[in-house]
Amino acid sequence: MSDPVLTKPDRDSAAWLKVMKYLEGRLATLRSENDADLTPEKTAKLRGKIAEVKLLMKMNADVPVIEDENAKFRD
């Protein structure tokens, strides 16, 4: 499965900005909880949640544009 790609207008939408704000707060909360003295099982569960939030936040990153070197020869 490939990572979903959001366009710049998608990332600039009010709805996505709200989602990102929520994810940032959620990540801070999970990291704070992870700093507590927890059992290995609870720590692993929190780290899994942190990884999932970070994965969602990656959707906000710019996707590099890769130019096709052979395109200039096809015209």
N, C-alpha and C. Protein backbone atom coordinates (compact mmCIF):
# COMPACT_ATOMS: atom_id res chain seq x y z
N MET A 1 0.84 -1.17 0.00
CA MET A 1 0.00 0.00 0.00
C MET A 1 0.90 1.24 0.00
N SER A 2 0.61 2.16 -0.89
CA SER A 2 1.40 3.39 -0.95
C SER A 2 0.81 4.43 0.00
N ASP A 3 1.66 5.36 0.40
CA ASP A 3 1.20 6.42 1.29
C ASP A 3 0.26 7.35 0.54
N PRO A 4 -0.81 7.80 1.19
CA PRO A 4 -1.71 8.75 0.53
C PRO A 4 -1.00 10.08 0.32
N VAL A 5 -1.34 10.73 -0.77
CA VAL A 5 -0.72 12.01 -1.11
C VAL A 5 -1.79 13.09 -1.07
N LEU A 6 -1.50 14.14 -0.35
CA LEU A 6 -2.40 15.29 -0.31
C LEU A 6 -1.78 16.41 -1.13
N THR A 7 -2.61 17.09 -1.89
CA THR A 7 -2.13 18.23 -2.67
C THR A 7 -1.98 19.43 -1.74
N LYS A 8 -1.32 20.45 -2.21
CA LYS A 8 -1.16 21.67 -1.40
C LYS A 8 -2.52 22.25 -1.02
N PRO A 9 -3.49 22.34 -1.94
CA PRO A 9 -4.81 22.84 -1.53
C PRO A 9 -5.47 21.94 -0.47
N ASP A 10 -5.27 20.63 -0.56
CA ASP A 10 -5.78 19.73 0.47
C ASP A 10 -5.19 20.10 1.83
N ARG A 11 -3.86 20.27 1.85
CA ARG A 11 -3.17 20.55 3.11
C ARG A 11 -3.49 21.94 3.66
N ASP A 12 -3.92 22.84 2.79
CA ASP A 12 -4.26 24.20 3.23
C ASP A 12 -5.72 24.33 3.63
N SER A 13 -6.50 23.27 3.48
CA SER A 13 -7.93 23.35 3.81
C SER A 13 -8.14 23.47 5.32
N ALA A 14 -9.22 24.10 5.69
CA ALA A 14 -9.54 24.30 7.11
C ALA A 14 -9.70 22.96 7.82
N ALA A 15 -10.30 22.00 7.15
CA ALA A 15 -10.51 20.69 7.78
C ALA A 15 -9.17 20.01 8.07
N TRP A 16 -8.25 20.03 7.11
CA TRP A 16 -6.97 19.37 7.33
C TRP A 16 -6.16 20.09 8.40
N LEU A 17 -6.23 21.41 8.44
CA LEU A 17 -5.51 22.16 9.47
C LEU A 17 -6.04 21.78 10.86
N LYS A 18 -7.34 21.55 10.98
CA LYS A 18 -7.92 21.10 12.25
C LYS A 18 -7.42 19.70 12.60
N VAL A 19 -7.37 18.84 11.61
CA VAL A 19 -6.87 17.47 11.83
C VAL A 19 -5.42 17.53 12.31
N MET A 20 -4.59 18.33 11.66
CA MET A 20 -3.19 18.44 12.05
C MET A 20 -3.05 18.98 13.47
N LYS A 21 -3.85 19.96 13.82
CA LYS A 21 -3.79 20.51 15.17
C LYS A 21 -4.15 19.43 16.19
N TYR A 22 -5.16 18.64 15.87
CA TYR A 22 -5.54 17.53 16.76
C TYR A 22 -4.40 16.53 16.88
N LEU A 23 -3.80 16.15 15.73
CA LEU A 23 -2.72 15.16 15.74
C LEU A 23 -1.51 15.66 16.53
N GLU A 24 -1.19 16.93 16.41
CA GLU A 24 -0.07 17.50 17.17
C GLU A 24 -0.33 17.41 18.66
N GLY A 25 -1.56 17.74 19.07
CA GLY A 25 -1.93 17.64 20.49
C GLY A 25 -1.93 16.20 20.97
N ARG A 26 -2.44 15.31 20.13
CA ARG A 26 -2.49 13.88 20.48
C ARG A 26 -1.08 13.33 20.64
N LEU A 27 -0.18 13.72 19.74
CA LEU A 27 1.21 13.27 19.81
C LEU A 27 1.87 13.75 21.10
N ALA A 28 1.64 15.01 21.46
CA ALA A 28 2.21 15.55 22.70
C ALA A 28 1.68 14.79 23.92
N THR A 29 0.38 14.50 23.91
CA THR A 29 -0.22 13.76 25.03
C THR A 29 0.38 12.36 25.14
N LEU A 30 0.47 11.66 24.01
CA LEU A 30 1.02 10.30 24.01
C LEU A 30 2.48 10.29 24.45
N ARG A 31 3.26 11.26 24.01
CA ARG A 31 4.66 11.32 24.42
C ARG A 31 4.78 11.58 25.92
N SER A 32 3.92 12.43 26.44
CA SER A 32 3.91 12.71 27.87
C SER A 32 3.56 11.45 28.66
N GLU A 33 2.55 10.72 28.20
CA GLU A 33 2.17 9.47 28.85
C GLU A 33 3.31 8.46 28.78
N ASN A 34 4.05 8.45 27.69
CA ASN A 34 5.14 7.51 27.50
C ASN A 34 6.31 7.79 28.45
N ASP A 35 6.40 9.02 28.95
CA ASP A 35 7.47 9.37 29.87
C ASP A 35 7.22 8.82 31.27
N ALA A 36 6.02 8.35 31.55
CA ALA A 36 5.69 7.81 32.87
C ALA A 36 6.30 6.42 33.04
N ASP A 37 6.32 5.96 34.26
CA ASP A 37 6.82 4.63 34.57
C ASP A 37 5.74 3.61 34.23
N LEU A 38 5.90 2.94 33.10
CA LEU A 38 4.88 2.01 32.61
C LEU A 38 5.45 0.61 32.47
N THR A 39 4.54 -0.35 32.39
CA THR A 39 4.95 -1.72 32.11
C THR A 39 5.44 -1.80 30.67
N PRO A 40 6.24 -2.78 30.35
CA PRO A 40 6.70 -2.92 28.96
C PRO A 40 5.53 -3.04 27.97
N GLU A 41 4.45 -3.69 28.37
CA GLU A 41 3.30 -3.85 27.49
C GLU A 41 2.62 -2.51 27.22
N LYS A 42 2.45 -1.71 28.26
CA LYS A 42 1.82 -0.39 28.09
C LYS A 42 2.72 0.53 27.28
N THR A 43 4.03 0.44 27.51
CA THR A 43 4.98 1.24 26.74
C THR A 43 4.90 0.88 25.25
N ALA A 44 4.87 -0.41 24.96
CA ALA A 44 4.78 -0.86 23.56
C ALA A 44 3.49 -0.37 22.92
N LYS A 45 2.39 -0.43 23.66
CA LYS A 45 1.11 0.03 23.12
C LYS A 45 1.15 1.53 22.82
N LEU A 46 1.72 2.30 23.73
CA LEU A 46 1.83 3.75 23.50
C LEU A 46 2.74 4.05 22.31
N ARG A 47 3.83 3.34 22.19
CA ARG A 47 4.74 3.57 21.07
C ARG A 47 4.06 3.25 19.74
N GLY A 48 3.20 2.24 19.75
CA GLY A 48 2.43 1.93 18.54
C GLY A 48 1.48 3.06 18.18
N LYS A 49 0.84 3.64 19.19
CA LYS A 49 -0.06 4.77 18.94
C LYS A 49 0.71 5.98 18.42
N ILE A 50 1.89 6.21 19.00
CA ILE A 50 2.73 7.33 18.56
C ILE A 50 3.13 7.12 17.10
N ALA A 51 3.52 5.92 16.75
CA ALA A 51 3.91 5.63 15.36
C ALA A 51 2.75 5.87 14.40
N GLU A 52 1.54 5.50 14.80
CA GLU A 52 0.37 5.69 13.93
C GLU A 52 0.06 7.18 13.75
N VAL A 53 0.16 7.95 14.81
CA VAL A 53 -0.08 9.40 14.70
C VAL A 53 0.97 10.03 13.79
N LYS A 54 2.23 9.64 13.95
CA LYS A 54 3.29 10.18 13.09
C LYS A 54 3.08 9.81 11.63
N LEU A 55 2.58 8.60 11.39
CA LEU A 55 2.29 8.18 10.03
C LEU A 55 1.22 9.07 9.40
N LEU A 56 0.19 9.37 10.16
CA LEU A 56 -0.86 10.26 9.66
C LEU A 56 -0.31 11.66 9.40
N MET A 57 0.57 12.12 10.28
CA MET A 57 1.13 13.46 10.13
C MET A 57 2.04 13.56 8.90
N LYS A 58 2.60 12.43 8.45
CA LYS A 58 3.43 12.45 7.25
C LYS A 58 2.64 12.86 6.02
N MET A 59 1.33 12.73 6.07
CA MET A 59 0.50 13.14 4.93
C MET A 59 0.60 14.63 4.70
N ASN A 60 1.09 15.37 5.68
CA ASN A 60 1.20 16.82 5.56
C ASN A 60 2.49 17.26 4.86
N ALA A 61 3.39 16.31 4.63
CA ALA A 61 4.68 16.64 4.03
C ALA A 61 4.55 16.86 2.53
N ASP A 62 5.42 17.72 2.02
CA ASP A 62 5.49 17.91 0.57
C ASP A 62 6.05 16.65 -0.06
N VAL A 63 5.50 16.27 -1.18
CA VAL A 63 5.98 15.11 -1.92
C VAL A 63 6.90 15.63 -3.01
N PRO A 64 8.14 15.14 -3.03
CA PRO A 64 9.06 15.65 -4.07
C PRO A 64 8.58 15.27 -5.46
N VAL A 65 8.78 16.20 -6.38
CA VAL A 65 8.42 15.95 -7.77
C VAL A 65 9.63 15.36 -8.45
N ILE A 66 9.45 14.21 -9.06
CA ILE A 66 10.54 13.54 -9.76
C ILE A 66 10.30 13.71 -11.25
N GLU A 67 11.23 14.36 -11.89
CA GLU A 67 11.09 14.60 -13.33
C GLU A 67 11.53 13.37 -14.10
N ASP A 68 10.84 13.10 -15.17
CA ASP A 68 11.15 11.99 -16.05
C ASP A 68 12.20 12.46 -17.04
N GLU A 69 13.43 11.94 -16.89
CA GLU A 69 14.54 12.35 -17.76
C GLU A 69 14.27 12.01 -19.22
N ASN A 70 13.50 10.97 -19.48
CA ASN A 70 13.24 10.54 -20.85
C ASN A 70 12.11 11.31 -21.51
N ALA A 71 11.39 12.10 -20.76
CA ALA A 71 10.24 12.83 -21.31
C ALA A 71 10.67 13.79 -22.43
N LYS A 72 11.84 14.40 -22.31
CA LYS A 72 12.27 15.37 -23.33
C LYS A 72 12.56 14.70 -24.68
N PHE A 73 12.80 13.40 -24.67
CA PHE A 73 13.07 12.70 -25.92
C PHE A 73 11.81 12.17 -26.60
N ARG A 74 10.70 12.21 -25.90
CA ARG A 74 9.44 11.68 -26.45
C ARG A 74 8.69 12.71 -27.27
N ASP A 75 9.00 13.95 -27.09
CA ASP A 75 8.23 15.01 -27.80
C ASP A 75 8.54 15.06 -29.26
